[in-house]
Amino acid sequence: MASGSPPEILFLCVHNAGRSQMAAAFARDFGRGRVVVYSAGSEPGERLNPVVVEAMTEVGLDISNESPRKLTDEMGRRADVIVTMGCGDTCPVYLGKRYVDWELEDPSGKDLGTVREIRDEIGVRTRALIEELVT
């Protein structure tokens, strides 16, 4: 992190349709402009998981206008912290970056109750990460 500039976080998963989108929404909300947030996938899906969108709406975060994005080298190079979620060997490695791997259930195909549990765990982890980075 450059002195005086906000930390940059990249949330990365395979399809960028669920977990990484939830984490990015929480990070933007908790960070309140004190962090720069990217969200991407190594093999992005066509659209966000509608159950994920619904679960996030329940906590006051509207991600319905978001769409899965392909990871770019620029995102990887700019990020101070890269949070991976279930992408294993499909996520590239950027040397010199801090990596955090969150083992989280994939919300794809899950019911709303299960997605709520995943959402809440992501919220807790994201809040802790933001607090660590901005204090």
N, C-alpha and C. Protein backbone atom coordinates (compact mmCIF):
# COMPACT_ATOMS: atom_id res chain seq x y z
N MET A 1 0.83 -1.18 0.00
CA MET A 1 0.00 0.00 0.00
C MET A 1 0.87 1.24 0.00
N ALA A 2 0.58 2.11 -0.91
CA ALA A 2 1.31 3.37 -0.95
C ALA A 2 0.85 4.23 0.23
N SER A 3 1.78 4.93 0.82
CA SER A 3 1.47 5.77 1.96
C SER A 3 0.40 6.79 1.59
N GLY A 4 -0.63 6.84 2.41
CA GLY A 4 -1.69 7.81 2.18
C GLY A 4 -2.78 7.37 1.23
N SER A 5 -2.54 6.34 0.45
CA SER A 5 -3.59 5.88 -0.46
C SER A 5 -4.37 4.74 0.19
N PRO A 6 -5.65 4.63 -0.14
CA PRO A 6 -6.46 3.59 0.48
C PRO A 6 -6.02 2.20 0.01
N PRO A 7 -6.12 1.20 0.89
CA PRO A 7 -5.78 -0.16 0.48
C PRO A 7 -6.73 -0.64 -0.61
N GLU A 8 -6.19 -1.45 -1.52
CA GLU A 8 -6.99 -2.00 -2.61
C GLU A 8 -7.15 -3.50 -2.40
N ILE A 9 -8.41 -3.94 -2.45
CA ILE A 9 -8.75 -5.34 -2.20
C ILE A 9 -9.37 -5.93 -3.46
N LEU A 10 -8.92 -7.12 -3.82
CA LEU A 10 -9.50 -7.87 -4.93
C LEU A 10 -10.15 -9.12 -4.37
N PHE A 11 -11.46 -9.25 -4.55
CA PHE A 11 -12.19 -10.46 -4.19
C PHE A 11 -12.31 -11.31 -5.44
N LEU A 12 -11.82 -12.53 -5.36
CA LEU A 12 -11.66 -13.36 -6.54
C LEU A 12 -12.25 -14.74 -6.34
N CYS A 13 -13.10 -15.16 -7.27
CA CYS A 13 -13.59 -16.54 -7.29
C CYS A 13 -13.70 -16.96 -8.76
N VAL A 14 -14.25 -18.11 -9.02
CA VAL A 14 -14.28 -18.60 -10.40
C VAL A 14 -15.28 -17.82 -11.25
N HIS A 15 -16.55 -17.81 -10.83
CA HIS A 15 -17.60 -17.25 -11.69
C HIS A 15 -17.97 -15.80 -11.40
N ASN A 16 -17.51 -15.26 -10.26
CA ASN A 16 -17.81 -13.88 -9.89
C ASN A 16 -19.32 -13.62 -9.92
N ALA A 17 -20.08 -14.62 -9.49
CA ALA A 17 -21.54 -14.52 -9.53
C ALA A 17 -22.16 -14.62 -8.15
N GLY A 18 -21.33 -14.84 -7.11
CA GLY A 18 -21.88 -15.05 -5.79
C GLY A 18 -20.99 -14.54 -4.68
N ARG A 19 -20.08 -15.39 -4.21
CA ARG A 19 -19.26 -15.07 -3.05
C ARG A 19 -18.46 -13.78 -3.20
N SER A 20 -17.73 -13.64 -4.30
CA SER A 20 -16.89 -12.45 -4.46
C SER A 20 -17.73 -11.19 -4.63
N GLN A 21 -18.91 -11.32 -5.20
CA GLN A 21 -19.81 -10.16 -5.33
C GLN A 21 -20.35 -9.74 -3.97
N MET A 22 -20.69 -10.73 -3.14
CA MET A 22 -21.17 -10.40 -1.79
C MET A 22 -20.06 -9.71 -0.99
N ALA A 23 -18.86 -10.26 -1.05
CA ALA A 23 -17.74 -9.69 -0.30
C ALA A 23 -17.45 -8.26 -0.76
N ALA A 24 -17.49 -8.04 -2.06
CA ALA A 24 -17.22 -6.69 -2.58
C ALA A 24 -18.28 -5.71 -2.10
N ALA A 25 -19.54 -6.11 -2.10
CA ALA A 25 -20.61 -5.23 -1.64
C ALA A 25 -20.44 -4.89 -0.16
N PHE A 26 -20.11 -5.91 0.64
CA PHE A 26 -19.86 -5.65 2.06
C PHE A 26 -18.65 -4.73 2.24
N ALA A 27 -17.59 -4.97 1.49
CA ALA A 27 -16.38 -4.16 1.64
C ALA A 27 -16.65 -2.69 1.28
N ARG A 28 -17.41 -2.47 0.24
CA ARG A 28 -17.75 -1.08 -0.13
C ARG A 28 -18.57 -0.43 0.98
N ASP A 29 -19.51 -1.20 1.54
CA ASP A 29 -20.37 -0.67 2.59
C ASP A 29 -19.58 -0.41 3.87
N PHE A 30 -18.83 -1.39 4.33
CA PHE A 30 -18.06 -1.25 5.57
C PHE A 30 -16.91 -0.26 5.39
N GLY A 31 -16.32 -0.24 4.21
CA GLY A 31 -15.15 0.59 3.97
C GLY A 31 -15.45 2.06 3.83
N ARG A 32 -16.65 2.38 3.39
CA ARG A 32 -17.10 3.77 3.24
C ARG A 32 -16.04 4.68 2.63
N GLY A 33 -15.51 4.25 1.49
CA GLY A 33 -14.54 5.08 0.78
C GLY A 33 -13.11 4.98 1.28
N ARG A 34 -12.87 4.18 2.33
CA ARG A 34 -11.52 4.05 2.88
C ARG A 34 -10.74 2.91 2.22
N VAL A 35 -11.40 2.15 1.34
CA VAL A 35 -10.76 1.07 0.60
C VAL A 35 -11.22 1.14 -0.85
N VAL A 36 -10.40 0.61 -1.74
CA VAL A 36 -10.78 0.45 -3.14
C VAL A 36 -11.07 -1.03 -3.33
N VAL A 37 -12.20 -1.34 -3.95
CA VAL A 37 -12.66 -2.72 -4.03
C VAL A 37 -12.81 -3.16 -5.48
N TYR A 38 -12.26 -4.34 -5.77
CA TYR A 38 -12.45 -4.99 -7.07
C TYR A 38 -13.05 -6.36 -6.81
N SER A 39 -13.81 -6.84 -7.76
CA SER A 39 -14.39 -8.17 -7.70
C SER A 39 -14.30 -8.76 -9.09
N ALA A 40 -13.81 -10.00 -9.17
CA ALA A 40 -13.63 -10.60 -10.49
C ALA A 40 -13.64 -12.12 -10.40
N GLY A 41 -13.70 -12.74 -11.57
CA GLY A 41 -13.65 -14.19 -11.65
C GLY A 41 -12.65 -14.65 -12.68
N SER A 42 -12.09 -15.83 -12.45
CA SER A 42 -11.17 -16.39 -13.43
C SER A 42 -11.92 -16.89 -14.66
N GLU A 43 -13.17 -17.33 -14.47
CA GLU A 43 -14.04 -17.76 -15.57
C GLU A 43 -15.44 -17.22 -15.27
N PRO A 44 -15.67 -15.91 -15.48
CA PRO A 44 -16.93 -15.31 -15.04
C PRO A 44 -18.16 -15.93 -15.68
N GLY A 45 -19.21 -15.99 -14.86
CA GLY A 45 -20.50 -16.47 -15.35
C GLY A 45 -21.18 -15.40 -16.18
N GLU A 46 -22.39 -15.72 -16.62
CA GLU A 46 -23.14 -14.78 -17.46
C GLU A 46 -23.88 -13.73 -16.64
N ARG A 47 -24.30 -14.12 -15.42
CA ARG A 47 -25.07 -13.19 -14.58
C ARG A 47 -24.89 -13.57 -13.13
N LEU A 48 -25.26 -12.65 -12.23
CA LEU A 48 -25.20 -12.94 -10.81
C LEU A 48 -26.24 -13.98 -10.43
N ASN A 49 -25.93 -14.75 -9.42
CA ASN A 49 -26.85 -15.72 -8.87
C ASN A 49 -28.03 -14.94 -8.28
N PRO A 50 -29.26 -15.17 -8.78
CA PRO A 50 -30.41 -14.39 -8.29
C PRO A 50 -30.70 -14.60 -6.80
N VAL A 51 -30.37 -15.75 -6.25
CA VAL A 51 -30.57 -15.99 -4.82
C VAL A 51 -29.58 -15.15 -4.01
N VAL A 52 -28.38 -14.98 -4.53
CA VAL A 52 -27.39 -14.12 -3.88
C VAL A 52 -27.88 -12.67 -3.89
N VAL A 53 -28.41 -12.22 -5.02
CA VAL A 53 -28.95 -10.86 -5.11
C VAL A 53 -30.05 -10.67 -4.07
N GLU A 54 -30.94 -11.64 -3.97
CA GLU A 54 -32.04 -11.56 -3.00
C GLU A 54 -31.51 -11.51 -1.56
N ALA A 55 -30.55 -12.37 -1.25
CA ALA A 55 -29.99 -12.41 0.10
C ALA A 55 -29.31 -11.09 0.46
N MET A 56 -28.63 -10.48 -0.48
CA MET A 56 -27.97 -9.20 -0.22
C MET A 56 -28.99 -8.07 -0.05
N THR A 57 -30.07 -8.12 -0.81
CA THR A 57 -31.13 -7.12 -0.68
C THR A 57 -31.71 -7.15 0.73
N GLU A 58 -31.79 -8.34 1.32
CA GLU A 58 -32.32 -8.48 2.68
C GLU A 58 -31.50 -7.71 3.71
N VAL A 59 -30.21 -7.50 3.45
CA VAL A 59 -29.37 -6.75 4.38
C VAL A 59 -29.11 -5.32 3.89
N GLY A 60 -29.92 -4.89 2.93
CA GLY A 60 -29.86 -3.50 2.48
C GLY A 60 -28.78 -3.20 1.45
N LEU A 61 -28.25 -4.23 0.81
CA LEU A 61 -27.22 -4.01 -0.21
C LEU A 61 -27.74 -4.49 -1.56
N ASP A 62 -27.94 -3.56 -2.47
CA ASP A 62 -28.47 -3.88 -3.79
C ASP A 62 -27.32 -4.13 -4.77
N ILE A 63 -27.18 -5.37 -5.19
CA ILE A 63 -26.14 -5.71 -6.17
C ILE A 63 -26.76 -6.12 -7.51
N SER A 64 -28.04 -5.81 -7.67
CA SER A 64 -28.76 -6.26 -8.88
C SER A 64 -28.20 -5.68 -10.17
N ASN A 65 -27.50 -4.56 -10.10
CA ASN A 65 -26.93 -3.95 -11.31
C ASN A 65 -25.50 -4.39 -11.58
N GLU A 66 -24.95 -5.23 -10.70
CA GLU A 66 -23.59 -5.74 -10.90
C GLU A 66 -23.62 -6.87 -11.93
N SER A 67 -22.48 -7.15 -12.50
CA SER A 67 -22.37 -8.29 -13.42
C SER A 67 -21.00 -8.92 -13.25
N PRO A 68 -20.90 -10.22 -13.51
CA PRO A 68 -19.61 -10.88 -13.38
C PRO A 68 -18.56 -10.24 -14.28
N ARG A 69 -17.35 -10.08 -13.74
CA ARG A 69 -16.25 -9.48 -14.48
C ARG A 69 -15.09 -10.45 -14.57
N LYS A 70 -14.39 -10.37 -15.65
CA LYS A 70 -13.19 -11.18 -15.88
C LYS A 70 -12.02 -10.53 -15.16
N LEU A 71 -11.24 -11.33 -14.47
CA LEU A 71 -10.03 -10.84 -13.83
C LEU A 71 -9.09 -10.28 -14.89
N THR A 72 -8.53 -9.10 -14.61
CA THR A 72 -7.51 -8.54 -15.49
C THR A 72 -6.19 -8.49 -14.72
N ASP A 73 -5.10 -8.49 -15.45
CA ASP A 73 -3.80 -8.38 -14.81
C ASP A 73 -3.67 -7.08 -14.02
N GLU A 74 -4.30 -6.02 -14.52
CA GLU A 74 -4.23 -4.75 -13.81
C GLU A 74 -4.85 -4.86 -12.42
N MET A 75 -6.00 -5.54 -12.32
CA MET A 75 -6.63 -5.73 -11.01
C MET A 75 -5.67 -6.45 -10.06
N GLY A 76 -5.08 -7.52 -10.55
CA GLY A 76 -4.16 -8.30 -9.74
C GLY A 76 -2.93 -7.52 -9.32
N ARG A 77 -2.41 -6.72 -10.23
CA ARG A 77 -1.21 -5.93 -9.92
C ARG A 77 -1.50 -4.80 -8.95
N ARG A 78 -2.67 -4.19 -9.07
CA ARG A 78 -3.02 -3.05 -8.21
C ARG A 78 -3.38 -3.45 -6.80
N ALA A 79 -3.97 -4.63 -6.63
CA ALA A 79 -4.49 -5.04 -5.32
C ALA A 79 -3.38 -5.19 -4.29
N ASP A 80 -3.66 -4.71 -3.09
CA ASP A 80 -2.77 -4.92 -1.96
C ASP A 80 -3.06 -6.26 -1.30
N VAL A 81 -4.34 -6.63 -1.29
CA VAL A 81 -4.79 -7.89 -0.71
C VAL A 81 -5.68 -8.58 -1.73
N ILE A 82 -5.42 -9.86 -1.96
CA ILE A 82 -6.25 -10.65 -2.86
C ILE A 82 -6.92 -11.74 -2.03
N VAL A 83 -8.25 -11.68 -1.98
CA VAL A 83 -9.03 -12.66 -1.23
C VAL A 83 -9.60 -13.66 -2.23
N THR A 84 -9.15 -14.91 -2.13
CA THR A 84 -9.64 -15.96 -3.03
C THR A 84 -10.72 -16.77 -2.33
N MET A 85 -11.66 -17.24 -3.12
CA MET A 85 -12.80 -18.00 -2.59
C MET A 85 -13.09 -19.17 -3.51
N GLY A 86 -12.44 -20.26 -3.27
CA GLY A 86 -12.77 -21.48 -3.99
C GLY A 86 -12.30 -21.57 -5.42
N CYS A 87 -11.31 -20.79 -5.80
CA CYS A 87 -10.87 -20.89 -7.20
C CYS A 87 -9.64 -21.77 -7.37
N GLY A 88 -9.02 -22.13 -6.27
CA GLY A 88 -7.90 -23.08 -6.34
C GLY A 88 -6.88 -22.72 -7.40
N ASP A 89 -6.55 -23.69 -8.25
CA ASP A 89 -5.52 -23.50 -9.26
C ASP A 89 -5.95 -22.61 -10.42
N THR A 90 -7.26 -22.27 -10.52
CA THR A 90 -7.70 -21.44 -11.64
C THR A 90 -7.43 -19.95 -11.39
N CYS A 91 -7.08 -19.60 -10.15
CA CYS A 91 -6.74 -18.20 -9.85
C CYS A 91 -5.25 -18.00 -10.04
N PRO A 92 -4.86 -17.01 -10.82
CA PRO A 92 -3.43 -16.75 -11.02
C PRO A 92 -2.79 -16.22 -9.74
N VAL A 93 -1.49 -16.32 -9.68
CA VAL A 93 -0.74 -15.84 -8.53
C VAL A 93 0.05 -14.60 -8.95
N TYR A 94 -0.09 -13.55 -8.18
CA TYR A 94 0.66 -12.32 -8.40
C TYR A 94 1.71 -12.22 -7.29
N LEU A 95 2.95 -12.27 -7.67
CA LEU A 95 4.04 -12.26 -6.70
C LEU A 95 4.04 -10.98 -5.88
N GLY A 96 4.37 -11.13 -4.62
CA GLY A 96 4.48 -9.98 -3.74
C GLY A 96 3.17 -9.48 -3.19
N LYS A 97 2.09 -10.18 -3.46
CA LYS A 97 0.78 -9.76 -2.96
C LYS A 97 0.42 -10.56 -1.73
N ARG A 98 -0.35 -9.96 -0.86
CA ARG A 98 -0.87 -10.68 0.30
C ARG A 98 -2.13 -11.44 -0.15
N TYR A 99 -2.12 -12.73 0.07
CA TYR A 99 -3.26 -13.57 -0.27
C TYR A 99 -3.97 -14.03 0.99
N VAL A 100 -5.29 -14.03 0.93
CA VAL A 100 -6.12 -14.58 1.99
C VAL A 100 -7.09 -15.52 1.28
N ASP A 101 -7.14 -16.78 1.73
CA ASP A 101 -8.07 -17.73 1.12
C ASP A 101 -9.22 -17.99 2.08
N TRP A 102 -10.42 -17.69 1.62
CA TRP A 102 -11.61 -17.95 2.42
C TRP A 102 -12.28 -19.20 1.89
N GLU A 103 -12.28 -20.26 2.69
CA GLU A 103 -12.98 -21.47 2.30
C GLU A 103 -14.44 -21.29 2.65
N LEU A 104 -15.23 -21.08 1.62
CA LEU A 104 -16.66 -20.83 1.78
C LEU A 104 -17.43 -21.72 0.81
N GLU A 105 -18.58 -22.17 1.26
CA GLU A 105 -19.44 -22.96 0.39
C GLU A 105 -19.86 -22.12 -0.81
N ASP A 106 -19.92 -22.75 -1.97
CA ASP A 106 -20.37 -22.07 -3.19
C ASP A 106 -21.89 -21.94 -3.13
N PRO A 107 -22.43 -20.72 -3.27
CA PRO A 107 -23.89 -20.54 -3.19
C PRO A 107 -24.64 -21.03 -4.43
N SER A 108 -23.93 -21.41 -5.47
CA SER A 108 -24.58 -21.86 -6.70
C SER A 108 -25.49 -23.05 -6.43
N GLY A 109 -26.75 -22.92 -6.80
CA GLY A 109 -27.71 -24.00 -6.66
C GLY A 109 -28.25 -24.20 -5.25
N LYS A 110 -27.86 -23.31 -4.32
CA LYS A 110 -28.30 -23.46 -2.93
C LYS A 110 -29.58 -22.67 -2.68
N ASP A 111 -30.32 -23.11 -1.65
CA ASP A 111 -31.55 -22.40 -1.28
C ASP A 111 -31.22 -21.12 -0.53
N LEU A 112 -32.23 -20.28 -0.35
CA LEU A 112 -32.03 -18.97 0.27
C LEU A 112 -31.48 -19.09 1.69
N GLY A 113 -31.94 -20.07 2.45
CA GLY A 113 -31.43 -20.24 3.81
C GLY A 113 -29.93 -20.49 3.84
N THR A 114 -29.47 -21.34 2.96
CA THR A 114 -28.03 -21.65 2.89
C THR A 114 -27.25 -20.43 2.42
N VAL A 115 -27.78 -19.73 1.43
CA VAL A 115 -27.11 -18.53 0.93
C VAL A 115 -27.04 -17.45 2.01
N ARG A 116 -28.07 -17.37 2.86
CA ARG A 116 -28.01 -16.42 3.98
C ARG A 116 -26.85 -16.74 4.91
N GLU A 117 -26.64 -18.02 5.18
CA GLU A 117 -25.54 -18.43 6.06
C GLU A 117 -24.19 -18.06 5.44
N ILE A 118 -24.05 -18.31 4.14
CA ILE A 118 -22.82 -17.96 3.42
C ILE A 118 -22.63 -16.44 3.46
N ARG A 119 -23.71 -15.71 3.17
CA ARG A 119 -23.67 -14.23 3.19
C ARG A 119 -23.21 -13.72 4.54
N ASP A 120 -23.78 -14.26 5.61
CA ASP A 120 -23.45 -13.78 6.95
C ASP A 120 -21.99 -14.06 7.29
N GLU A 121 -21.47 -15.21 6.89
CA GLU A 121 -20.06 -15.54 7.13
C GLU A 121 -19.16 -14.59 6.34
N ILE A 122 -19.53 -14.31 5.10
CA ILE A 122 -18.75 -13.37 4.28
C ILE A 122 -18.78 -11.98 4.92
N GLY A 123 -19.93 -11.58 5.45
CA GLY A 123 -20.03 -10.29 6.10
C GLY A 123 -19.10 -10.17 7.30
N VAL A 124 -19.05 -11.21 8.12
CA VAL A 124 -18.17 -11.21 9.30
C VAL A 124 -16.71 -11.13 8.87
N ARG A 125 -16.33 -11.95 7.90
CA ARG A 125 -14.92 -11.96 7.45
C ARG A 125 -14.54 -10.65 6.79
N THR A 126 -15.46 -10.09 6.00
CA THR A 126 -15.16 -8.83 5.31
C THR A 126 -15.02 -7.69 6.30
N ARG A 127 -15.90 -7.64 7.29
CA ARG A 127 -15.82 -6.57 8.30
C ARG A 127 -14.46 -6.65 9.02
N ALA A 128 -14.04 -7.86 9.39
CA ALA A 128 -12.75 -8.02 10.08
C ALA A 128 -11.60 -7.57 9.21
N LEU A 129 -11.64 -7.92 7.92
CA LEU A 129 -10.58 -7.52 6.99
C LEU A 129 -10.52 -6.00 6.85
N ILE A 130 -11.67 -5.37 6.68
CA ILE A 130 -11.71 -3.91 6.53
C ILE A 130 -11.17 -3.24 7.80
N GLU A 131 -11.60 -3.72 8.96
CA GLU A 131 -11.12 -3.13 10.22
C GLU A 131 -9.61 -3.26 10.34
N GLU A 132 -9.08 -4.41 9.93
CA GLU A 132 -7.63 -4.62 9.98
C GLU A 132 -6.90 -3.66 9.04
N LEU A 133 -7.44 -3.44 7.86
CA LEU A 133 -6.75 -2.65 6.85
C LEU A 133 -6.84 -1.14 7.08
N VAL A 134 -7.89 -0.67 7.72
CA VAL A 134 -8.08 0.78 7.81
C VAL A 134 -7.85 1.34 9.21
N THR A 135 -7.43 0.50 10.16
CA THR A 135 -7.17 1.03 11.51
C THR A 135 -5.68 1.03 11.78
